[in-house]
C-alpha atoms as a PDB file:
ATOM      1  CA  UNK A   1      -6.796   2.748 -12.597  1.00  0.00           C
ATOM      2  CA  UNK A   2      -9.280   5.378 -10.989  1.00  0.00           C
ATOM      3  CA  UNK A   3      -9.234   6.115  -7.505  1.00  0.00           C
ATOM      4  CA  UNK A   4      -5.523   5.896  -6.961  1.00  0.00           C
ATOM      5  CA  UNK A   5      -4.353   7.130  -3.760  1.00  0.00           C
ATOM      6  CA  UNK A   6      -1.036   9.037  -4.044  1.00  0.00           C
ATOM      7  CA  UNK A   7       1.444   9.587  -1.412  1.00  0.00           C
ATOM      8  CA  UNK A   8       4.038  12.271  -1.823  1.00  0.00           C
ATOM      9  CA  UNK A   9       7.590  11.601  -0.662  1.00  0.00           C
ATOM     10  CA  UNK A  10      11.183  13.069  -0.798  1.00  0.00           C
ATOM     11  CA  UNK A  11      14.181  10.827  -0.735  1.00  0.00           C
ATOM     12  CA  UNK A  12      16.464  11.146   2.250  1.00  0.00           C
ATOM     13  CA  UNK A  13      20.215  10.753   2.065  1.00  0.00           C
ATOM     14  CA  UNK A  14      20.264   7.555   4.343  1.00  0.00           C
ATOM     15  CA  UNK A  15      17.996   5.912   2.055  1.00  0.00           C
ATOM     16  CA  UNK A  16      20.692   5.787  -0.731  1.00  0.00           C
ATOM     17  CA  UNK A  17      23.695   3.871  -1.490  1.00  0.00           C
ATOM     18  CA  UNK A  18      27.183   5.299  -2.322  1.00  0.00           C
ATOM     19  CA  UNK A  19      26.055   6.005  -5.806  1.00  0.00           C
ATOM     20  CA  UNK A  20      23.248   8.450  -4.348  1.00  0.00           C
ATOM     21  CA  UNK A  21      20.627   5.829  -5.682  1.00  0.00           C
ATOM     22  CA  UNK A  22      17.952   4.634  -3.538  1.00  0.00           C
ATOM     23  CA  UNK A  23      18.739   1.224  -2.008  1.00  0.00           C
ATOM     24  CA  UNK A  24      15.982  -1.231  -3.216  1.00  0.00           C
ATOM     25  CA  UNK A  25      14.906  -2.215   0.305  1.00  0.00           C
ATOM     26  CA  UNK A  26      13.483   1.129   0.874  1.00  0.00           C
ATOM     27  CA  UNK A  27      10.755   0.826  -1.910  1.00  0.00           C
ATOM     28  CA  UNK A  28       8.961  -1.903   0.153  1.00  0.00           C
ATOM     29  CA  UNK A  29       9.057   0.491   3.092  1.00  0.00           C
ATOM     30  CA  UNK A  30       7.581   3.222   0.834  1.00  0.00           C
ATOM     31  CA  UNK A  31       4.794   0.625  -0.390  1.00  0.00           C
ATOM     32  CA  UNK A  32       3.993   0.429   3.423  1.00  0.00           C
ATOM     33  CA  UNK A  33       3.879   4.034   3.912  1.00  0.00           C
ATOM     34  CA  UNK A  34       1.578   4.415   0.790  1.00  0.00           C
ATOM     35  CA  UNK A  35      -0.740   1.882   2.044  1.00  0.00           C
ATOM     36  CA  UNK A  36      -1.001   3.334   5.600  1.00  0.00           C
ATOM     37  CA  UNK A  37      -1.925   6.581   3.526  1.00  0.00           C
ATOM     38  CA  UNK A  38      -4.426   4.923   1.568  1.00  0.00           C
ATOM     39  CA  UNK A  39      -6.051   3.374   4.541  1.00  0.00           C
ATOM     40  CA  UNK A  40      -6.141   6.650   6.336  1.00  0.00           C
ATOM     41  CA  UNK A  41      -7.946   8.132   3.387  1.00  0.00           C
ATOM     42  CA  UNK A  42     -10.514   5.324   3.458  1.00  0.00           C
ATOM     43  CA  UNK A  43     -10.975   6.167   7.267  1.00  0.00           C
ATOM     44  CA  UNK A  44      -9.402   2.849   8.226  1.00  0.00           C
ATOM     45  CA  UNK A  45      -6.251   3.938  10.079  1.00  0.00           C
ATOM     46  CA  UNK A  46      -4.318   0.900  11.451  1.00  0.00           C
ATOM     47  CA  UNK A  47      -4.818   2.038  14.848  1.00  0.00           C
ATOM     48  CA  UNK A  48      -8.548   1.812  14.293  1.00  0.00           C
ATOM     49  CA  UNK A  49      -8.357  -1.572  12.558  1.00  0.00           C
ATOM     50  CA  UNK A  50      -6.366  -3.106  15.203  1.00  0.00           C
ATOM     51  CA  UNK A  51      -8.448  -1.701  17.952  1.00  0.00           C
ATOM     52  CA  UNK A  52     -11.291  -3.691  16.314  1.00  0.00           C
ATOM     53  CA  UNK A  53      -9.095  -6.874  16.327  1.00  0.00           C
ATOM     54  CA  UNK A  54      -8.187  -6.570  12.771  1.00  0.00           C
ATOM     55  CA  UNK A  55      -4.654  -7.444  11.847  1.00  0.00           C
ATOM     56  CA  UNK A  56      -3.252  -7.343   8.119  1.00  0.00           C
ATOM     57  CA  UNK A  57       0.062  -9.085   7.945  1.00  0.00           C
ATOM     58  CA  UNK A  58       1.869  -9.379   4.774  1.00  0.00           C
ATOM     59  CA  UNK A  59       1.878 -12.477   2.869  1.00  0.00           C
ATOM     60  CA  UNK A  60       4.213 -11.290  -0.109  1.00  0.00           C
ATOM     61  CA  UNK A  61       5.576  -8.440  -1.712  1.00  0.00           C
ATOM     62  CA  UNK A  62       7.184  -7.735  -5.162  1.00  0.00           C
ATOM     63  CA  UNK A  63       8.768  -4.788  -6.870  1.00  0.00           C
ATOM     64  CA  UNK A  64      10.126  -4.342 -10.320  1.00  0.00           C
ATOM     65  CA  UNK A  65      12.549  -1.575 -10.888  1.00  0.00           C
ATOM     66  CA  UNK A  66      12.647   0.576 -14.144  1.00  0.00           C
ATOM     67  CA  UNK A  67      14.728   3.708 -13.442  1.00  0.00           C
ATOM     68  CA  UNK A  68      16.683   4.679 -10.332  1.00  0.00           C
ATOM     69  CA  UNK A  69      15.435   7.296  -7.979  1.00  0.00           C
ATOM     70  CA  UNK A  70      18.234   9.513  -6.403  1.00  0.00           C
ATOM     71  CA  UNK A  71      18.713  11.667  -3.224  1.00  0.00           C
ATOM     72  CA  UNK A  72      16.885  14.903  -3.392  1.00  0.00           C
ATOM     73  CA  UNK A  73      14.064  13.409  -5.689  1.00  0.00           C
ATOM     74  CA  UNK A  74      10.503  13.580  -4.749  1.00  0.00           C
ATOM     75  CA  UNK A  75       8.239  10.740  -5.893  1.00  0.00           C
ATOM     76  CA  UNK A  76       4.537  10.011  -5.794  1.00  0.00           C
ATOM     77  CA  UNK A  77       3.570   6.366  -4.636  1.00  0.00           C
ATOM     78  CA  UNK A  78       0.453   5.400  -5.716  1.00  0.00           C
ATOM     79  CA  UNK A  79      -1.511   2.504  -3.971  1.00  0.00           C
ATOM     80  CA  UNK A  80      -4.665   1.041  -5.142  1.00  0.00           C
ATOM     81  CA  UNK A  81      -6.501  -2.151  -4.330  1.00  0.00           C
ATOM     82  CA  UNK A  82      -6.172  -4.671  -6.807  1.00  0.00           C
ATOM     83  CA  UNK A  83      -8.461  -7.359  -5.366  1.00  0.00           C
ATOM     84  CA  UNK A  84     -10.389  -7.950  -2.285  1.00  0.00           C
ATOM     85  CA  UNK A  85     -12.189 -11.119  -0.953  1.00  0.00           C
ATOM     86  CA  UNK A  86     -12.867 -10.310   2.627  1.00  0.00           C
ATOM     87  CA  UNK A  87     -10.421 -12.788   3.760  1.00  0.00           C
ATOM     88  CA  UNK A  88      -7.309 -11.296   1.519  1.00  0.00           C
ATOM     89  CA  UNK A  89      -6.408  -8.118  -0.069  1.00  0.00           C
ATOM     90  CA  UNK A  90      -3.718  -7.269  -2.778  1.00  0.00           C
ATOM     91  CA  UNK A  91      -2.498  -3.986  -3.416  1.00  0.00           C
ATOM     92  CA  UNK A  92      -0.680  -2.410  -6.474  1.00  0.00           C
ATOM     93  CA  UNK A  93       1.882   0.490  -6.179  1.00  0.00           C
ATOM     94  CA  UNK A  94       3.565   2.763  -8.839  1.00  0.00           C
ATOM     95  CA  UNK A  95       6.576   4.984  -7.892  1.00  0.00           C
ATOM     96  CA  UNK A  96       6.822   7.799 -10.302  1.00  0.00           C
ATOM     97  CA  UNK A  97       8.391  11.210 -10.597  1.00  0.00           C
ATOM     98  CA  UNK A  98       6.430  14.190 -10.049  1.00  0.00           C
ATOM     99  CA  UNK A  99       6.368  14.520 -14.076  1.00  0.00           C
ATOM    100  CA  UNK A 100       4.734  10.829 -14.142  1.00  0.00           C
ATOM    101  CA  UNK A 101       8.051   8.855 -15.076  1.00  0.00           C
ATOM    102  CA  UNK A 102       7.628   5.579 -13.671  1.00  0.00           C
ATOM    103  CA  UNK A 103      10.611   4.387 -11.543  1.00  0.00           C
ATOM    104  CA  UNK A 104       9.106   1.214 -10.090  1.00  0.00           C
ATOM    105  CA  UNK A 105       5.942  -0.941  -9.542  1.00  0.00           C
ATOM    106  CA  UNK A 106       4.980  -3.382  -7.256  1.00  0.00           C
ATOM    107  CA  UNK A 107       2.231  -5.388  -5.432  1.00  0.00           C
ATOM    108  CA  UNK A 108       1.689  -6.740  -1.773  1.00  0.00           C
ATOM    109  CA  UNK A 109      -0.712  -9.541  -0.622  1.00  0.00           C
ATOM    110  CA  UNK A 110      -2.176  -9.477   2.807  1.00  0.00           C
ATOM    111  CA  UNK A 111      -4.480 -11.561   5.048  1.00  0.00           C
ATOM    112  CA  UNK A 112      -7.092 -10.327   7.358  1.00  0.00           C
ATOM    113  CA  UNK A 113      -6.483 -12.080  10.769  1.00  0.00           C
ATOM    114  CA  UNK A 114      -7.215 -11.669  14.723  1.00  0.00           C
ATOM    115  CA  UNK A 115      -4.781 -10.878  17.275  1.00  0.00           C
ATOM    116  CA  UNK A 116      -4.239 -14.513  17.360  1.00  0.00           C
ATOM    117  CA  UNK A 117      -3.304 -14.904  13.727  1.00  0.00           C
ATOM    118  CA  UNK A 118      -6.611 -16.674  12.921  1.00  0.00           C
ATOM    119  CA  UNK A 119      -8.037 -15.774   9.560  1.00  0.00           C
ATOM    120  CA  UNK A 120     -10.946 -13.438   9.622  1.00  0.00           C
ATOM    121  CA  UNK A 121     -13.912 -13.275   7.291  1.00  0.00           C
ATOM    122  CA  UNK A 122     -14.360  -9.333   7.370  1.00  0.00           C
ATOM    123  CA  UNK A 123     -18.052  -9.822   5.916  1.00  0.00           C
ATOM    124  CA  UNK A 124     -19.138 -11.776   8.974  1.00  0.00           C
ATOM    125  CA  UNK A 125     -16.815 -10.507  11.757  1.00  0.00           C
ATOM    126  CA  UNK A 126     -16.557  -6.812  10.793  1.00  0.00           C
ATOM    127  CA  UNK A 127     -19.170  -5.870   8.201  1.00  0.00           C
ATOM    128  CA  UNK A 128     -18.390  -2.167   8.351  1.00  0.00           C
ATOM    129  CA  UNK A 129     -14.859  -2.551   7.436  1.00  0.00           C
ATOM    130  CA  UNK A 130     -15.836  -5.090   4.686  1.00  0.00           C
ATOM    131  CA  UNK A 131     -18.076  -2.492   3.191  1.00  0.00           C
ATOM    132  CA  UNK A 132     -15.611   0.294   3.287  1.00  0.00           C
ATOM    133  CA  UNK A 133     -13.254  -2.068   0.979  1.00  0.00           C
ATOM    134  CA  UNK A 134     -16.072  -3.279  -1.078  1.00  0.00           C
ATOM    135  CA  UNK A 135     -17.323   0.473  -1.887  1.00  0.00           C
ATOM    136  CA  UNK A 136     -13.408   1.344  -2.571  1.00  0.00           C
ATOM    137  CA  UNK A 137     -13.503  -1.384  -5.388  1.00  0.00           C
ATOM    138  CA  UNK A 138     -16.799  -0.269  -6.648  1.00  0.00           C
ATOM    139  CA  UNK A 139     -15.430   3.239  -7.017  1.00  0.00           C
ATOM    140  CA  UNK A 140     -12.288   1.908  -8.675  1.00  0.00           C
ATOM    141  CA  UNK A 141     -14.390   0.282 -11.384  1.00  0.00           C
ATOM    142  CA  UNK A 142     -16.419   3.219 -12.204  1.00  0.00           C
END
């Protein structure tokens, strides 16, 4: 994947269990942090999206675990757009050590809706936002 957005994060003690291993629920939070970071890098911070009436609820999320992450570790969470239709978007994530060792990977699926939770077609309702996502997909393919 080209154009991967990488979010760097240190593991906090409260995120671990009694064995010092990151609890599985935290990976979903990390995916969200990386997604927010990626949107910021695309000049689409959540507050801007929401001010234009665009909401992006999560439809589904999955995570596969490979090796544990422990208290004190620093990880990179990469986030990239897997697919985009203007109505829905899917993201993919990798959690790696600084040395590139894969700890976990996952995906999240989202819809674009208005503040009343009605589906949006970005190409029609918010073409400038649509174009930013389309440009990101094109850059990823190059």
